[in-house]
Amino acid sequence: MWNKWKYALTNHCETRENHEDVELRSHYYKAANRAVMAAVKELLASLPGAELLSVSEERGEICAQTKRGKKLFIVATVISVRPFETAVDFSVTTDTRLLPFDFGRSRSVILELYRKLDARLPYIGSGLNG
């Protein structure tokens, strides 16, 4: 069982295949890498005050930051597992000026990004058969 306080008392959160928090496990989509990259790029660009910093198709990495409200630095990693099966992971860091934590904001941003991406692409599951 993951500890809720762990995410409240940090300013960074990321997903991975075998995360102890089931909601933060890699998401898999039944789509080609190119289509997933395009969907992630559109999603990040549509965030309020967002700016795409870099897009590397070769590395499957997109970096973005938001400049409105709480500033966020987001890295999305898109990995082809097999033809028409692509995994997406996110890493989110909140720019906190006074306190070294964001009260779970970075985690909630990831969950919202996955929710929106799941609506755009055919979601087929999470890491470790989640």
Protein backbone atom coordinates (compact mmCIF):
# COMPACT_ATOMS: atom_id res chain seq x y z
CA MET A 1 0.00 0.00 0.00
CA TRP A 2 1.44 3.36 -0.99
CA ASN A 3 1.69 6.20 1.48
CA LYS A 4 -0.47 9.26 0.67
CA TRP A 5 1.86 11.54 2.63
CA LYS A 6 4.74 10.55 0.38
CA TYR A 7 3.12 12.49 -2.49
CA ALA A 8 2.00 15.43 -0.35
CA LEU A 9 5.49 16.08 0.99
CA THR A 10 7.37 16.29 -2.32
CA ASN A 11 7.27 18.48 -5.41
CA HIS A 12 7.95 15.65 -7.88
CA CYS A 13 6.06 12.57 -9.06
CA GLU A 14 6.66 10.08 -11.85
CA THR A 15 5.15 6.93 -13.28
CA ARG A 16 6.79 3.60 -14.02
CA GLU A 17 5.95 0.03 -14.96
CA ASN A 18 5.99 -1.42 -11.45
CA HIS A 19 4.96 1.56 -9.30
CA GLU A 20 3.59 0.66 -5.85
CA ASP A 21 0.72 3.11 -6.47
CA VAL A 22 -1.39 1.35 -9.11
CA GLU A 23 -2.64 4.69 -10.46
CA LEU A 24 0.96 5.71 -11.25
CA ARG A 25 1.84 2.69 -13.39
CA SER A 26 2.71 3.12 -17.07
CA HIS A 27 -0.32 3.29 -19.37
CA TYR A 28 -0.44 1.26 -22.58
CA TYR A 29 -2.32 2.20 -25.74
CA LYS A 30 -3.29 0.25 -28.83
CA ALA A 31 -1.76 2.71 -31.27
CA ALA A 32 1.42 3.26 -33.23
CA ASN A 33 4.22 5.27 -31.65
CA ARG A 34 3.72 8.16 -34.07
CA ALA A 35 0.01 8.50 -33.18
CA VAL A 36 0.73 8.39 -29.44
CA MET A 37 3.53 10.97 -29.77
CA ALA A 38 1.14 13.28 -31.63
CA ALA A 39 -1.61 12.83 -29.01
CA VAL A 40 0.79 13.49 -26.11
CA LYS A 41 2.22 16.54 -27.87
CA GLU A 42 -1.28 17.96 -28.46
CA LEU A 43 -2.28 17.22 -24.87
CA LEU A 44 0.74 18.97 -23.36
CA ALA A 45 0.41 21.94 -25.73
CA SER A 46 -3.25 22.34 -24.72
CA LEU A 47 -2.48 22.83 -21.01
CA PRO A 48 -3.14 26.39 -19.77
CA GLY A 49 -0.01 28.50 -20.22
CA ALA A 50 1.95 25.55 -21.63
CA GLU A 51 5.04 25.77 -23.77
CA LEU A 52 6.67 22.78 -25.46
CA LEU A 53 10.39 22.95 -24.69
CA SER A 54 11.55 19.99 -26.76
CA VAL A 55 10.21 17.11 -28.81
CA SER A 56 12.50 14.19 -29.62
CA GLU A 57 10.76 11.67 -31.86
CA GLU A 58 13.89 9.48 -31.86
CA ARG A 59 14.05 9.26 -28.07
CA GLY A 60 10.29 9.32 -27.59
CA GLU A 61 10.49 12.26 -25.22
CA ILE A 62 8.48 15.48 -24.96
CA CYS A 63 9.29 18.22 -22.44
CA ALA A 64 6.88 21.01 -21.56
CA GLN A 65 6.37 23.61 -18.89
CA THR A 66 3.44 25.69 -17.77
CA LYS A 67 3.86 29.32 -16.83
CA ARG A 68 0.45 30.09 -15.34
CA GLY A 69 -0.51 29.39 -11.75
CA LYS A 70 1.79 26.82 -10.20
CA LYS A 71 4.59 26.30 -12.66
CA LEU A 72 5.03 22.72 -13.81
CA PHE A 73 7.85 20.95 -15.65
CA ILE A 74 6.54 17.86 -17.45
CA VAL A 75 8.46 15.12 -19.25
CA ALA A 76 6.48 12.54 -21.22
CA THR A 77 8.18 9.38 -22.43
CA VAL A 78 6.59 7.38 -25.25
CA ILE A 79 7.91 3.85 -25.82
CA SER A 80 6.93 1.37 -28.53
CA VAL A 81 6.50 -2.04 -26.92
CA ARG A 82 5.47 -3.79 -30.14
CA PRO A 83 3.64 -2.69 -33.29
CA PHE A 84 0.45 -0.90 -32.23
CA GLU A 85 1.24 -1.13 -28.52
CA THR A 86 2.81 1.95 -26.99
CA ALA A 87 3.54 2.86 -23.36
CA VAL A 88 3.47 6.36 -21.87
CA ASP A 89 5.15 7.55 -18.68
CA PHE A 90 5.08 11.01 -17.12
CA SER A 91 7.38 12.89 -14.78
CA VAL A 92 6.03 16.10 -13.23
CA THR A 93 7.88 18.59 -11.04
CA THR A 94 6.13 21.56 -9.46
CA ASP A 95 8.06 24.78 -9.03
CA THR A 96 7.45 25.53 -5.37
CA ARG A 97 8.98 28.76 -4.16
CA LEU A 98 8.36 28.78 -0.42
CA LEU A 99 7.87 25.15 0.56
CA PRO A 100 9.73 22.10 -0.80
CA PHE A 101 6.46 20.24 -1.48
CA ASP A 102 3.27 20.65 -3.49
CA PHE A 103 0.65 18.83 -1.38
CA GLY A 104 0.18 16.13 -4.05
CA ARG A 105 -0.27 18.50 -7.01
CA SER A 106 2.33 16.73 -9.20
CA ARG A 107 0.55 13.39 -8.65
CA SER A 108 -2.86 14.85 -9.46
CA VAL A 109 -1.47 16.42 -12.66
CA ILE A 110 -0.25 12.99 -13.80
CA LEU A 111 -3.63 11.39 -13.07
CA GLU A 112 -5.37 14.15 -15.05
CA LEU A 113 -2.95 13.75 -17.98
CA TYR A 114 -3.63 10.00 -18.06
CA ARG A 115 -7.39 10.58 -17.84
CA LYS A 116 -7.28 12.90 -20.85
CA LEU A 117 -4.93 10.63 -22.81
CA ASP A 118 -7.12 7.58 -22.07
CA ALA A 119 -10.04 9.48 -23.64
CA ARG A 120 -8.02 10.24 -26.81
CA LEU A 121 -6.37 6.86 -27.41
CA PRO A 122 -7.49 3.22 -27.08
CA TYR A 123 -6.30 2.39 -23.54
CA ILE A 124 -5.38 -1.27 -23.09
CA GLY A 125 -4.00 -1.41 -19.55
CA SER A 126 -1.42 -0.38 -17.00
CA GLY A 127 1.97 -1.72 -15.95
CA LEU A 128 2.22 -5.11 -14.25
CA ASN A 129 -1.22 -6.22 -15.47
CA GLY A 130 -2.90 -3.31 -13.67
